[in-house]
Structure formats: C-alpha cells, structure tokens
C-alpha cells in the first residue's frame, strides 16, 4: 500500500551523517570533523574540516599511508557511503586538514619515557 506524502531530510541530519562517515574513514572521533554543505551543480558539495591526531614522532608508525592518501580514501568512502545512507549524489568533496593534536601516550610509551629519564 502506497501513501501520499513526502520525506524531508534536514540539512543538520545530512551534515551530521557525513561528519560521522568522515570520522569513521579517518578513524577519529566525530567531534573532530566539521562539515559544510552546498549545491554543486545539482549534486551535494561537501567541505570538511578534519582534526587529525598526531602519532608520536619517534615511535613506530602504524600505517604507511600519507595524510594525502588517507584523505583520498576518506573522500572515496564518503561519496559511496553518503549515497548509500542519504540517497544523494555527492559531487565535490573538499577536505581541509585543519589541525592536529598529539595522541595520548599508550601504556608502553609512558613506561619508555620513565625509563629514558632514569638513563639520563
């Protein structure tokens, strides 16, 4: 049975959905992503600001991907997952890496720092 009517997705809901998808793609918290939406020749244009966590500079790297490779993978995931979740075709996706904060040290890293102080 079909009923007459319409469904409207608010801009706020779209923005929050795309922020969550982006956060998942970068493996960061949703609070570290801000999105702005605009028309892109009939498609949904998205401008993202992403705050990444910096790994310890002297520690081992968990990934070999550069931030540019991470951004490209996130862009691809946002376009496909955004279409799947919202039904809207996403056009241009601008990603601005706005800042970074240092990751909290893991238990192993904090132990290493204590050991380094003892040696000095």
N, C-alpha and C. Protein backbone atom coordinates (compact mmCIF):
# COMPACT_ATOMS: atom_id res chain seq x y z
N UNK A 1 0.82 -1.16 0.00
CA UNK A 1 0.00 0.00 0.00
C UNK A 1 0.88 1.24 0.00
N UNK A 2 0.63 2.16 -0.88
CA UNK A 2 1.40 3.38 -1.01
C UNK A 2 0.61 4.56 -0.45
N UNK A 3 1.27 5.39 0.33
CA UNK A 3 0.62 6.56 0.91
C UNK A 3 1.23 7.81 0.32
N UNK A 4 0.40 8.80 0.11
CA UNK A 4 0.87 10.09 -0.42
C UNK A 4 1.63 10.83 0.68
N UNK A 5 2.60 11.60 0.29
CA UNK A 5 3.36 12.40 1.24
C UNK A 5 4.78 12.58 0.75
N UNK A 6 5.59 13.13 1.59
CA UNK A 6 6.99 13.32 1.23
C UNK A 6 7.86 13.13 2.46
N UNK A 7 9.12 12.86 2.22
CA UNK A 7 10.11 12.71 3.28
C UNK A 7 11.17 13.78 3.07
N UNK A 8 11.50 14.46 4.13
CA UNK A 8 12.49 15.52 4.04
C UNK A 8 13.61 15.21 5.03
N UNK A 9 14.84 15.26 4.54
CA UNK A 9 16.00 15.10 5.41
C UNK A 9 16.57 16.49 5.63
N UNK A 10 16.68 16.90 6.88
CA UNK A 10 17.17 18.25 7.16
C UNK A 10 18.65 18.37 6.85
N UNK A 11 19.09 19.58 6.64
CA UNK A 11 20.50 19.83 6.39
C UNK A 11 21.34 19.41 7.59
N UNK A 12 20.81 19.63 8.78
CA UNK A 12 21.53 19.23 10.00
C UNK A 12 21.76 17.71 10.02
N UNK A 13 20.74 16.95 9.69
CA UNK A 13 20.87 15.49 9.67
C UNK A 13 21.88 15.04 8.61
N UNK A 14 21.85 15.66 7.44
CA UNK A 14 22.82 15.32 6.40
C UNK A 14 24.24 15.64 6.86
N UNK A 15 24.41 16.82 7.43
CA UNK A 15 25.73 17.25 7.88
C UNK A 15 26.27 16.28 8.94
N UNK A 16 25.46 15.93 9.92
CA UNK A 16 25.91 15.03 10.98
C UNK A 16 26.23 13.63 10.44
N UNK A 17 25.44 13.17 9.47
CA UNK A 17 25.70 11.87 8.86
C UNK A 17 27.03 11.87 8.14
N UNK A 18 27.29 12.90 7.35
CA UNK A 18 28.54 12.97 6.59
C UNK A 18 29.74 13.19 7.51
N UNK A 19 29.55 13.90 8.61
CA UNK A 19 30.63 14.05 9.58
C UNK A 19 30.97 12.69 10.20
N UNK A 20 29.96 11.91 10.52
CA UNK A 20 30.19 10.59 11.11
C UNK A 20 30.89 9.65 10.14
N UNK A 21 30.49 9.68 8.87
CA UNK A 21 31.13 8.83 7.85
C UNK A 21 32.60 9.23 7.69
N UNK A 22 32.86 10.54 7.68
CA UNK A 22 34.23 11.02 7.54
C UNK A 22 35.08 10.63 8.75
N UNK A 23 34.52 10.79 9.94
CA UNK A 23 35.25 10.42 11.16
C UNK A 23 35.60 8.93 11.13
N UNK A 24 34.66 8.12 10.69
CA UNK A 24 34.92 6.68 10.60
C UNK A 24 36.03 6.40 9.58
N UNK A 25 36.02 7.11 8.46
CA UNK A 25 37.04 6.89 7.43
C UNK A 25 38.44 7.25 7.94
N UNK A 26 38.53 8.32 8.74
CA UNK A 26 39.83 8.73 9.28
C UNK A 26 40.16 8.05 10.61
N UNK A 27 39.21 7.27 11.14
CA UNK A 27 39.37 6.60 12.43
C UNK A 27 39.61 7.60 13.57
N UNK A 28 38.77 8.63 13.61
CA UNK A 28 38.84 9.64 14.65
C UNK A 28 37.44 9.86 15.21
N UNK A 29 37.32 10.59 16.28
CA UNK A 29 36.02 10.89 16.86
C UNK A 29 35.24 11.87 16.01
N UNK A 30 33.93 11.75 16.04
CA UNK A 30 33.07 12.62 15.23
C UNK A 30 33.23 14.09 15.61
N UNK A 31 33.62 14.38 16.83
CA UNK A 31 33.84 15.76 17.25
C UNK A 31 35.02 16.42 16.58
N UNK A 32 35.83 15.64 15.88
CA UNK A 32 37.00 16.18 15.18
C UNK A 32 36.71 16.50 13.71
N UNK A 33 35.45 16.44 13.31
CA UNK A 33 35.08 16.71 11.92
C UNK A 33 33.96 17.74 11.90
N UNK A 34 34.09 18.72 11.03
CA UNK A 34 33.03 19.70 10.80
C UNK A 34 32.76 19.74 9.30
N UNK A 35 31.49 19.73 8.93
CA UNK A 35 31.11 19.71 7.51
C UNK A 35 30.24 20.92 7.18
N UNK A 36 30.41 21.41 5.98
CA UNK A 36 29.53 22.43 5.41
C UNK A 36 29.01 21.88 4.10
N UNK A 37 27.72 22.10 3.84
CA UNK A 37 27.09 21.57 2.63
C UNK A 37 26.68 22.70 1.72
N UNK A 38 26.75 22.45 0.41
CA UNK A 38 26.34 23.44 -0.58
C UNK A 38 25.95 22.73 -1.86
N UNK A 39 25.31 23.47 -2.74
CA UNK A 39 24.93 22.92 -4.04
C UNK A 39 26.15 22.88 -4.95
N UNK A 40 26.34 21.78 -5.64
CA UNK A 40 27.43 21.63 -6.60
C UNK A 40 26.84 21.17 -7.92
N UNK A 41 26.23 22.10 -8.65
CA UNK A 41 25.61 21.83 -9.94
C UNK A 41 24.60 20.69 -9.85
N UNK A 42 23.75 20.75 -8.82
CA UNK A 42 22.71 19.74 -8.65
C UNK A 42 23.10 18.57 -7.77
N UNK A 43 24.37 18.46 -7.46
CA UNK A 43 24.86 17.42 -6.54
C UNK A 43 25.13 18.08 -5.19
N UNK A 44 25.42 17.27 -4.20
CA UNK A 44 25.73 17.78 -2.88
C UNK A 44 27.22 18.04 -2.78
N UNK A 45 27.60 19.29 -2.59
CA UNK A 45 29.00 19.65 -2.37
C UNK A 45 29.29 19.63 -0.88
N UNK A 46 30.42 19.08 -0.51
CA UNK A 46 30.77 18.94 0.90
C UNK A 46 32.16 19.53 1.14
N UNK A 47 32.25 20.40 2.14
CA UNK A 47 33.54 20.92 2.60
C UNK A 47 33.74 20.42 4.02
N UNK A 48 34.85 19.74 4.23
CA UNK A 48 35.13 19.13 5.52
C UNK A 48 36.37 19.73 6.16
N UNK A 49 36.32 19.90 7.45
CA UNK A 49 37.47 20.30 8.24
C UNK A 49 37.73 19.15 9.21
N UNK A 50 38.95 18.61 9.15
CA UNK A 50 39.28 17.40 9.92
C UNK A 50 40.49 17.68 10.81
N UNK A 51 40.35 17.37 12.10
CA UNK A 51 41.47 17.46 13.04
C UNK A 51 42.01 16.04 13.24
N UNK A 52 43.23 15.84 12.81
CA UNK A 52 43.85 14.52 12.95
C UNK A 52 44.68 14.44 14.21
N UNK A 53 44.83 13.26 14.74
CA UNK A 53 45.74 13.02 15.86
C UNK A 53 47.11 12.71 15.30
N UNK A 54 48.11 13.28 15.93
CA UNK A 54 49.48 13.01 15.51
C UNK A 54 50.02 11.81 16.28
N UNK A 55 50.63 10.88 15.57
CA UNK A 55 51.28 9.78 16.29
C UNK A 55 52.58 10.31 16.91
N UNK A 56 53.09 9.66 17.92
CA UNK A 56 54.38 10.07 18.46
C UNK A 56 55.43 10.07 17.35
N UNK A 57 56.18 11.15 17.25
CA UNK A 57 57.11 11.29 16.13
C UNK A 57 58.27 10.30 16.18
N UNK A 58 58.66 9.88 17.35
CA UNK A 58 59.79 8.95 17.47
C UNK A 58 59.36 7.50 17.57
N UNK A 59 58.07 7.25 17.68
CA UNK A 59 57.59 5.89 17.82
C UNK A 59 57.36 5.22 16.48
N UNK A 60 57.06 3.93 16.50
CA UNK A 60 56.79 3.21 15.24
C UNK A 60 55.49 3.68 14.61
N UNK A 61 55.45 3.70 13.30
CA UNK A 61 54.25 4.10 12.58
C UNK A 61 53.32 2.91 12.45
N UNK A 62 52.00 3.19 12.61
CA UNK A 62 51.00 2.13 12.48
C UNK A 62 50.58 1.94 11.03
N UNK A 63 50.79 2.94 10.20
CA UNK A 63 50.38 2.85 8.80
C UNK A 63 51.45 3.47 7.92
N UNK A 64 51.49 3.06 6.68
CA UNK A 64 52.45 3.63 5.74
C UNK A 64 51.78 4.67 4.84
N UNK A 65 50.47 4.86 5.00
CA UNK A 65 49.74 5.83 4.19
C UNK A 65 50.08 7.25 4.62
N UNK A 66 50.23 8.14 3.64
CA UNK A 66 50.40 9.55 3.93
C UNK A 66 49.04 10.16 4.25
N UNK A 67 49.02 11.36 4.78
CA UNK A 67 47.74 12.02 5.06
C UNK A 67 46.98 12.29 3.76
N UNK A 68 47.69 12.49 2.66
CA UNK A 68 47.03 12.70 1.38
C UNK A 68 46.35 11.42 0.89
N UNK A 69 47.00 10.29 1.09
CA UNK A 69 46.39 9.01 0.74
C UNK A 69 45.20 8.71 1.64
N UNK A 70 45.29 9.05 2.91
CA UNK A 70 44.18 8.88 3.83
C UNK A 70 43.00 9.74 3.41
N UNK A 71 43.28 10.99 3.00
CA UNK A 71 42.22 11.90 2.57
C UNK A 71 41.54 11.39 1.30
N UNK A 72 42.30 10.85 0.36
CA UNK A 72 41.71 10.32 -0.87
C UNK A 72 40.83 9.12 -0.56
N UNK A 73 41.28 8.25 0.32
CA UNK A 73 40.47 7.08 0.70
C UNK A 73 39.21 7.53 1.43
N UNK A 74 39.33 8.53 2.29
CA UNK A 74 38.16 9.05 3.00
C UNK A 74 37.17 9.68 2.04
N UNK A 75 37.67 10.39 1.04
CA UNK A 75 36.80 11.02 0.03
C UNK A 75 36.01 9.95 -0.72
N UNK A 76 36.67 8.91 -1.13
CA UNK A 76 36.02 7.81 -1.85
C UNK A 76 34.96 7.15 -0.98
N UNK A 77 35.30 6.91 0.29
CA UNK A 77 34.35 6.29 1.22
C UNK A 77 33.16 7.20 1.47
N UNK A 78 33.41 8.50 1.60
CA UNK A 78 32.33 9.46 1.85
C UNK A 78 31.34 9.48 0.69
N UNK A 79 31.83 9.49 -0.52
CA UNK A 79 30.95 9.53 -1.69
C UNK A 79 30.09 8.27 -1.77
N UNK A 80 30.69 7.10 -1.60
CA UNK A 80 29.91 5.86 -1.73
C UNK A 80 28.99 5.64 -0.53
N UNK A 81 29.51 5.83 0.66
CA UNK A 81 28.69 5.61 1.87
C UNK A 81 27.63 6.69 2.02
N UNK A 82 27.97 7.93 1.63
CA UNK A 82 26.99 9.02 1.68
C UNK A 82 25.81 8.76 0.77
N UNK A 83 26.07 8.26 -0.44
CA UNK A 83 24.99 7.90 -1.36
C UNK A 83 24.15 6.78 -0.78
N UNK A 84 24.81 5.79 -0.21
CA UNK A 84 24.10 4.64 0.37
C UNK A 84 23.18 5.07 1.52
N UNK A 85 23.64 5.98 2.37
CA UNK A 85 22.88 6.37 3.55
C UNK A 85 21.82 7.44 3.27
N UNK A 86 22.14 8.38 2.39
CA UNK A 86 21.23 9.52 2.17
C UNK A 86 20.47 9.45 0.86
N UNK A 87 20.98 8.70 -0.10
CA UNK A 87 20.36 8.67 -1.41
C UNK A 87 20.72 9.86 -2.28
N UNK A 88 21.61 10.71 -1.79
CA UNK A 88 22.02 11.91 -2.54
C UNK A 88 23.36 11.68 -3.21
N UNK A 89 23.47 12.16 -4.43
CA UNK A 89 24.73 12.06 -5.16
C UNK A 89 25.65 13.17 -4.69
N UNK A 90 26.84 12.80 -4.28
CA UNK A 90 27.80 13.77 -3.76
C UNK A 90 28.76 14.14 -4.87
N UNK A 91 28.91 15.43 -5.07
CA UNK A 91 29.81 15.95 -6.10
C UNK A 91 31.18 16.23 -5.51
N UNK A 92 31.51 17.50 -5.45
CA UNK A 92 32.81 17.92 -4.97
C UNK A 92 32.93 17.68 -3.46
N UNK A 93 34.09 17.16 -3.05
CA UNK A 93 34.38 16.95 -1.64
C UNK A 93 35.74 17.59 -1.35
N UNK A 94 35.71 18.69 -0.60
CA UNK A 94 36.93 19.38 -0.19
C UNK A 94 37.25 18.96 1.23
N UNK A 95 38.50 18.53 1.45
CA UNK A 95 38.93 18.13 2.79
C UNK A 95 40.08 19.04 3.21
N UNK A 96 39.88 19.71 4.33
CA UNK A 96 40.91 20.58 4.89
C UNK A 96 41.38 19.95 6.19
N UNK A 97 42.66 19.63 6.25
CA UNK A 97 43.24 19.10 7.47
C UNK A 97 43.58 20.31 8.34
N UNK A 98 42.68 20.60 9.28
CA UNK A 98 42.69 21.87 9.98
C UNK A 98 43.69 21.95 11.12
N UNK A 99 44.06 20.87 11.66
CA UNK A 99 44.95 20.92 12.80
C UNK A 99 45.18 19.52 13.30
N UNK A 100 45.99 19.44 14.30
CA UNK A 100 46.28 18.11 14.83
C UNK A 100 46.54 18.24 16.32
N UNK A 101 46.30 17.18 17.00
CA UNK A 101 46.62 17.11 18.41
C UNK A 101 47.36 15.82 18.64
N UNK A 102 48.23 15.83 19.61
CA UNK A 102 49.01 14.63 19.87
C UNK A 102 48.14 13.58 20.52
N UNK A 103 48.33 12.34 20.10
CA UNK A 103 47.61 11.23 20.70
C UNK A 103 48.10 11.06 22.12
N UNK A 104 47.18 10.67 23.02
CA UNK A 104 47.66 10.38 24.38
C UNK A 104 48.61 9.19 24.33
N UNK A 105 49.65 9.22 25.16
CA UNK A 105 50.61 8.10 25.12
C UNK A 105 49.97 6.81 25.58
N UNK A 106 50.38 5.73 24.96
CA UNK A 106 49.92 4.41 25.39
C UNK A 106 50.70 4.01 26.63
N UNK A 107 50.32 2.94 27.26
CA UNK A 107 50.99 2.48 28.47
C UNK A 107 52.46 2.20 28.18
N UNK A 108 52.75 1.59 27.03
CA UNK A 108 54.13 1.27 26.67
C UNK A 108 54.96 2.54 26.49
N UNK A 109 54.36 3.57 25.86
CA UNK A 109 55.09 4.81 25.61
C UNK A 109 55.37 5.55 26.92
N UNK A 110 54.42 5.56 27.85
CA UNK A 110 54.65 6.25 29.12
C UNK A 110 55.73 5.53 29.93
N UNK A 111 55.81 4.20 29.83
CA UNK A 111 56.85 3.42 30.50
C UNK A 111 58.21 3.75 29.90
N UNK A 112 58.25 3.88 28.55
CA UNK A 112 59.51 4.20 27.88
C UNK A 112 60.02 5.56 28.32
N UNK A 113 59.14 6.53 28.50
CA UNK A 113 59.56 7.87 28.93
C UNK A 113 60.16 7.82 30.34
N UNK A 114 59.56 7.05 31.21
CA UNK A 114 60.09 6.92 32.57
C UNK A 114 61.48 6.29 32.50
N UNK A 115 61.64 5.26 31.69
CA UNK A 115 62.93 4.59 31.56
C UNK A 115 63.99 5.54 30.99
N UNK A 116 63.61 6.38 30.02
CA UNK A 116 64.55 7.34 29.43
C UNK A 116 65.01 8.32 30.47
N UNK A 117 64.14 8.77 31.35
CA UNK A 117 64.52 9.73 32.39
C UNK A 117 65.53 9.11 33.37
N UNK A 118 65.34 7.83 33.66
CA UNK A 118 66.26 7.15 34.58
C UNK A 118 67.66 7.06 33.97
N UNK A 119 67.72 6.85 32.65
CA UNK A 119 69.01 6.73 31.97
C UNK A 119 69.72 8.06 31.97
N UNK A 120 68.98 9.15 31.77
CA UNK A 120 69.59 10.47 31.71
C UNK A 120 70.01 10.88 33.09
